[in-house]
Amino acid sequence: MCSDGNYVYLIGGTEGDICKNDCYRYDPKDNTWSTLASMNSERSQAGIVYFNDKIYVFGGSTLNRCLSSCEILTLSTNQWTIGPTMKECRRGCGAVLYHNKIFIIGGSNGITSLTSIELFDPITNDWLININGNSNQLNIPRVGVGVTVCCDQIYVIGGFDGRTFLKSIEIYDENTQEWRLNYNNLTKSEKNIQSNKEEII
């Protein structure tokens, strides 16, 4: 789900044991729904972002496999095109627009929860290897994570690390180009992960 500021877009998902490729637009002014063109592939748990008349849908999963593919809906023409494929398959990832770049954060590849992050430039339609030569990853693996931008920082909240449901927050600081872990609400599992990382460092 995403919004362009005027409408809300609901894309893909599951209905019982059926994976969907439907795309709907909700008009909050009229309280009405309309149907847009369907995606090329059925998918649920995808990362979805709006930018400059386009909706970008990243990864997700069918009922039996994770996806690395990307689809792009141009709203002015109501047509889907295939975008560049991600490096990793991801479902339950976070997706957010930050300084004209799309951050695809965490998720699961179907085997394990991920700390890795992929960066997409919607202006050049290319994947970026890193940010100014710096590697970019979370401190703790997370799938089903909440992501938003506030006060010019990216906030990643909660999720599941493969064993434990998380309540910690990670914050991306563009000045240091690093993710900072908020220690106020760490679970025991999260504290153990962080302690192990600090010992390695």
Protein backbone atom coordinates (compact mmCIF):
# COMPACT_ATOMS: atom_id res chain seq x y z
CA MET A 1 0.00 0.00 0.00
CA CYS A 2 1.15 3.56 -0.71
CA SER A 3 -0.19 7.06 -1.40
CA ASP A 4 0.58 9.84 -3.87
CA GLY A 5 -0.91 12.45 -1.53
CA ASN A 6 -4.34 12.36 -3.19
CA TYR A 7 -5.19 8.67 -3.45
CA VAL A 8 -4.35 5.44 -1.63
CA TYR A 9 -3.19 2.46 -3.69
CA LEU A 10 -3.72 -1.15 -2.61
CA ILE A 11 -1.60 -3.60 -4.58
CA GLY A 12 -1.32 -7.40 -4.54
CA GLY A 13 -1.74 -9.45 -1.37
CA THR A 14 -3.50 -12.73 -0.67
CA GLU A 15 -7.12 -13.80 -0.45
CA GLY A 16 -7.23 -17.10 1.39
CA ASP A 17 -4.82 -19.38 -0.47
CA ILE A 18 -4.83 -17.23 -3.63
CA CYS A 19 -2.04 -14.72 -4.31
CA LYS A 20 -3.26 -11.60 -6.12
CA ASN A 21 -1.91 -9.18 -8.73
CA ASP A 22 -4.79 -6.71 -8.43
CA CYS A 23 -4.31 -2.95 -8.08
CA TYR A 24 -6.95 -0.65 -6.59
CA ARG A 25 -7.13 3.10 -6.02
CA TYR A 26 -9.08 4.61 -3.12
CA ASP A 27 -10.35 8.19 -3.27
CA PRO A 28 -10.77 9.44 0.33
CA LYS A 29 -12.72 12.52 -0.80
CA ASP A 30 -15.49 10.48 -2.45
CA ASN A 31 -14.97 7.31 -0.39
CA THR A 32 -14.84 5.30 -3.62
CA TRP A 33 -12.64 2.53 -5.06
CA SER A 34 -11.54 2.12 -8.68
CA THR A 35 -9.66 -0.71 -10.38
CA LEU A 36 -6.34 -0.07 -12.13
CA ALA A 37 -4.30 -2.36 -14.37
CA SER A 38 -3.10 -5.58 -12.73
CA MET A 39 0.57 -6.37 -12.14
CA ASN A 40 2.33 -8.88 -14.37
CA SER A 41 3.00 -11.19 -11.39
CA GLU A 42 0.96 -12.13 -8.35
CA ARG A 43 2.71 -11.12 -5.13
CA SER A 44 2.11 -10.36 -1.46
CA GLN A 45 4.32 -8.81 1.26
CA ALA A 46 5.98 -6.56 -1.33
CA GLY A 47 7.74 -3.25 -0.70
CA ILE A 48 5.77 -0.41 -2.34
CA VAL A 49 6.79 3.23 -2.89
CA TYR A 50 5.31 6.15 -4.85
CA PHE A 51 7.59 8.62 -6.64
CA ASN A 52 6.92 11.11 -9.45
CA ASP A 53 3.79 9.59 -11.07
CA LYS A 54 5.06 6.03 -10.64
CA ILE A 55 4.43 3.26 -8.14
CA TYR A 56 7.35 0.90 -7.54
CA VAL A 57 6.67 -2.63 -6.27
CA PHE A 58 9.68 -4.60 -5.03
CA GLY A 59 9.96 -8.30 -4.22
CA GLY A 60 7.31 -9.98 -2.13
CA SER A 61 6.29 -13.60 -2.46
CA THR A 62 3.90 -15.96 -4.14
CA LEU A 63 2.45 -18.76 -2.05
CA ASN A 64 5.61 -20.87 -2.47
CA ARG A 65 8.59 -18.62 -3.27
CA CYS A 66 10.17 -15.22 -2.58
CA LEU A 67 10.65 -12.75 -5.41
CA SER A 68 13.45 -10.40 -6.43
CA SER A 69 11.56 -8.80 -9.32
CA CYS A 70 10.39 -5.20 -9.57
CA GLU A 71 7.32 -3.80 -11.33
CA ILE A 72 6.58 -0.14 -12.03
CA LEU A 73 3.13 1.37 -12.61
CA THR A 74 3.00 4.67 -14.50
CA LEU A 75 -0.17 6.28 -13.21
CA SER A 76 -0.68 8.66 -16.13
CA THR A 77 -0.86 5.73 -18.59
CA ASN A 78 -2.09 3.00 -16.19
CA GLN A 79 0.59 0.65 -17.54
CA TRP A 80 2.97 -1.69 -15.73
CA THR A 81 6.57 -2.21 -16.82
CA ILE A 82 9.26 -4.54 -15.49
CA GLY A 83 12.01 -2.81 -13.48
CA PRO A 84 15.55 -3.93 -12.63
CA THR A 85 15.76 -7.03 -10.44
CA MET A 86 17.00 -6.82 -6.86
CA LYS A 87 20.17 -8.63 -5.79
CA GLU A 88 18.25 -10.68 -3.21
CA CYS A 89 14.78 -12.15 -3.04
CA ARG A 90 12.81 -10.36 -0.32
CA ARG A 91 9.40 -10.59 1.26
CA GLY A 92 8.22 -8.53 4.21
CA CYS A 93 10.85 -5.88 3.51
CA GLY A 94 10.47 -2.20 4.34
CA ALA A 95 10.48 0.31 1.48
CA VAL A 96 10.78 4.07 1.80
CA LEU A 97 11.69 7.09 -0.33
CA TYR A 98 14.53 9.14 1.18
CA HIS A 99 16.28 11.99 -0.64
CA ASN A 100 15.05 10.72 -4.01
CA LYS A 101 16.41 7.23 -3.39
CA ILE A 102 14.34 4.17 -2.50
CA PHE A 103 15.63 2.11 0.43
CA ILE A 104 14.60 -1.57 0.42
CA ILE A 105 15.23 -2.65 4.00
CA GLY A 106 15.54 -6.11 5.53
CA GLY A 107 12.87 -8.71 4.86
CA SER A 108 13.28 -12.45 4.41
CA ASN A 109 14.67 -14.45 1.49
CA GLY A 110 12.47 -17.40 2.44
CA ILE A 111 15.21 -18.99 4.53
CA THR A 112 16.41 -16.32 6.92
CA SER A 113 15.63 -12.76 8.02
CA LEU A 114 17.92 -10.14 6.45
CA THR A 115 20.03 -7.22 7.66
CA SER A 116 20.93 -6.16 4.12
CA ILE A 117 19.60 -3.06 2.40
CA GLU A 118 19.33 -2.32 -1.31
CA LEU A 119 19.19 1.19 -2.79
CA PHE A 120 17.29 2.09 -5.94
CA ASP A 121 17.59 5.33 -7.88
CA PRO A 122 14.21 5.95 -9.57
CA ILE A 123 15.64 8.81 -11.62
CA THR A 124 18.27 6.67 -13.36
CA ASN A 125 16.27 3.42 -12.92
CA ASP A 126 19.37 1.69 -11.51
CA TRP A 127 20.35 -0.15 -8.34
CA LEU A 128 23.17 1.43 -6.33
CA ILE A 129 25.91 -0.73 -4.83
CA ASN A 130 26.23 1.39 -1.70
CA ILE A 131 26.09 4.96 -0.38
CA ASN A 132 29.28 6.83 -1.26
CA GLY A 133 31.34 3.65 -0.87
CA ASN A 134 29.94 2.75 2.57
CA SER A 135 28.26 -0.58 3.23
CA ASN A 136 24.71 -0.28 4.46
CA GLN A 137 22.96 -2.81 6.68
CA LEU A 138 20.86 -3.05 9.82
CA ASN A 139 22.24 -4.11 13.18
CA ILE A 140 19.54 -6.76 13.60
CA PRO A 141 17.84 -8.91 10.91
CA ARG A 142 14.17 -7.97 10.47
CA VAL A 143 11.20 -9.16 8.40
CA GLY A 144 7.72 -7.62 8.53
CA VAL A 145 9.27 -4.35 9.58
CA GLY A 146 7.73 -0.87 9.85
CA VAL A 147 9.61 1.93 8.05
CA THR A 148 9.05 5.69 7.82
CA VAL A 149 10.91 9.00 7.49
CA CYS A 150 10.68 11.58 10.28
CA CYS A 151 12.85 14.66 10.94
CA ASP A 152 14.96 13.76 7.89
CA GLN A 153 15.94 10.36 9.30
CA ILE A 154 14.78 6.83 8.42
CA TYR A 155 13.17 4.92 11.29
CA VAL A 156 12.97 1.12 11.20
CA ILE A 157 10.72 -0.32 13.89
CA GLY A 158 10.02 -3.85 15.12
CA GLY A 159 9.77 -6.89 12.89
CA PHE A 160 10.80 -10.52 13.38
CA ASP A 161 14.42 -11.76 13.42
CA GLY A 162 13.60 -15.42 12.75
CA ARG A 163 13.18 -16.34 16.41
CA THR A 164 11.82 -13.32 18.25
CA PHE A 165 9.35 -10.52 17.58
CA LEU A 166 11.29 -7.27 17.97
CA LYS A 167 10.41 -3.97 19.61
CA SER A 168 13.64 -2.05 19.00
CA ILE A 169 14.16 0.91 16.67
CA GLU A 170 17.01 1.55 14.24
CA ILE A 171 17.65 5.05 12.91
CA TYR A 172 19.59 5.95 9.78
CA ASP A 173 21.83 8.99 10.17
CA GLU A 174 22.81 10.39 6.79
CA ASN A 175 25.71 12.36 8.29
CA THR A 176 27.47 9.21 9.51
CA GLN A 177 25.75 6.96 6.92
CA GLU A 178 25.21 4.37 9.65
CA TRP A 179 22.28 2.73 11.41
CA ARG A 180 22.00 3.52 15.12
CA LEU A 181 20.24 1.06 17.40
CA ASN A 182 17.90 2.52 20.02
CA TYR A 183 18.73 0.67 23.25
CA ASN A 184 15.67 1.76 25.25
CA ASN A 185 13.40 -1.15 24.31
CA LEU A 186 15.68 -4.06 23.41
CA THR A 187 14.46 -7.60 23.98
CA LYS A 188 16.86 -10.17 25.44
CA SER A 189 17.45 -11.61 21.96
CA GLU A 190 18.26 -8.16 20.56
CA LYS A 191 20.70 -7.44 23.41
CA ASN A 192 22.50 -10.74 22.72
CA ILE A 193 22.81 -9.94 19.02
CA GLN A 194 24.21 -6.49 19.74
CA SER A 195 26.64 -7.81 22.37
CA ASN A 196 27.99 -10.39 19.92
CA LYS A 197 28.50 -7.69 17.26
CA GLU A 198 30.38 -5.46 19.70
CA GLU A 199 32.64 -8.35 20.73
CA ILE A 200 33.51 -9.01 17.08
CA ILE A 201 34.31 -5.34 16.55
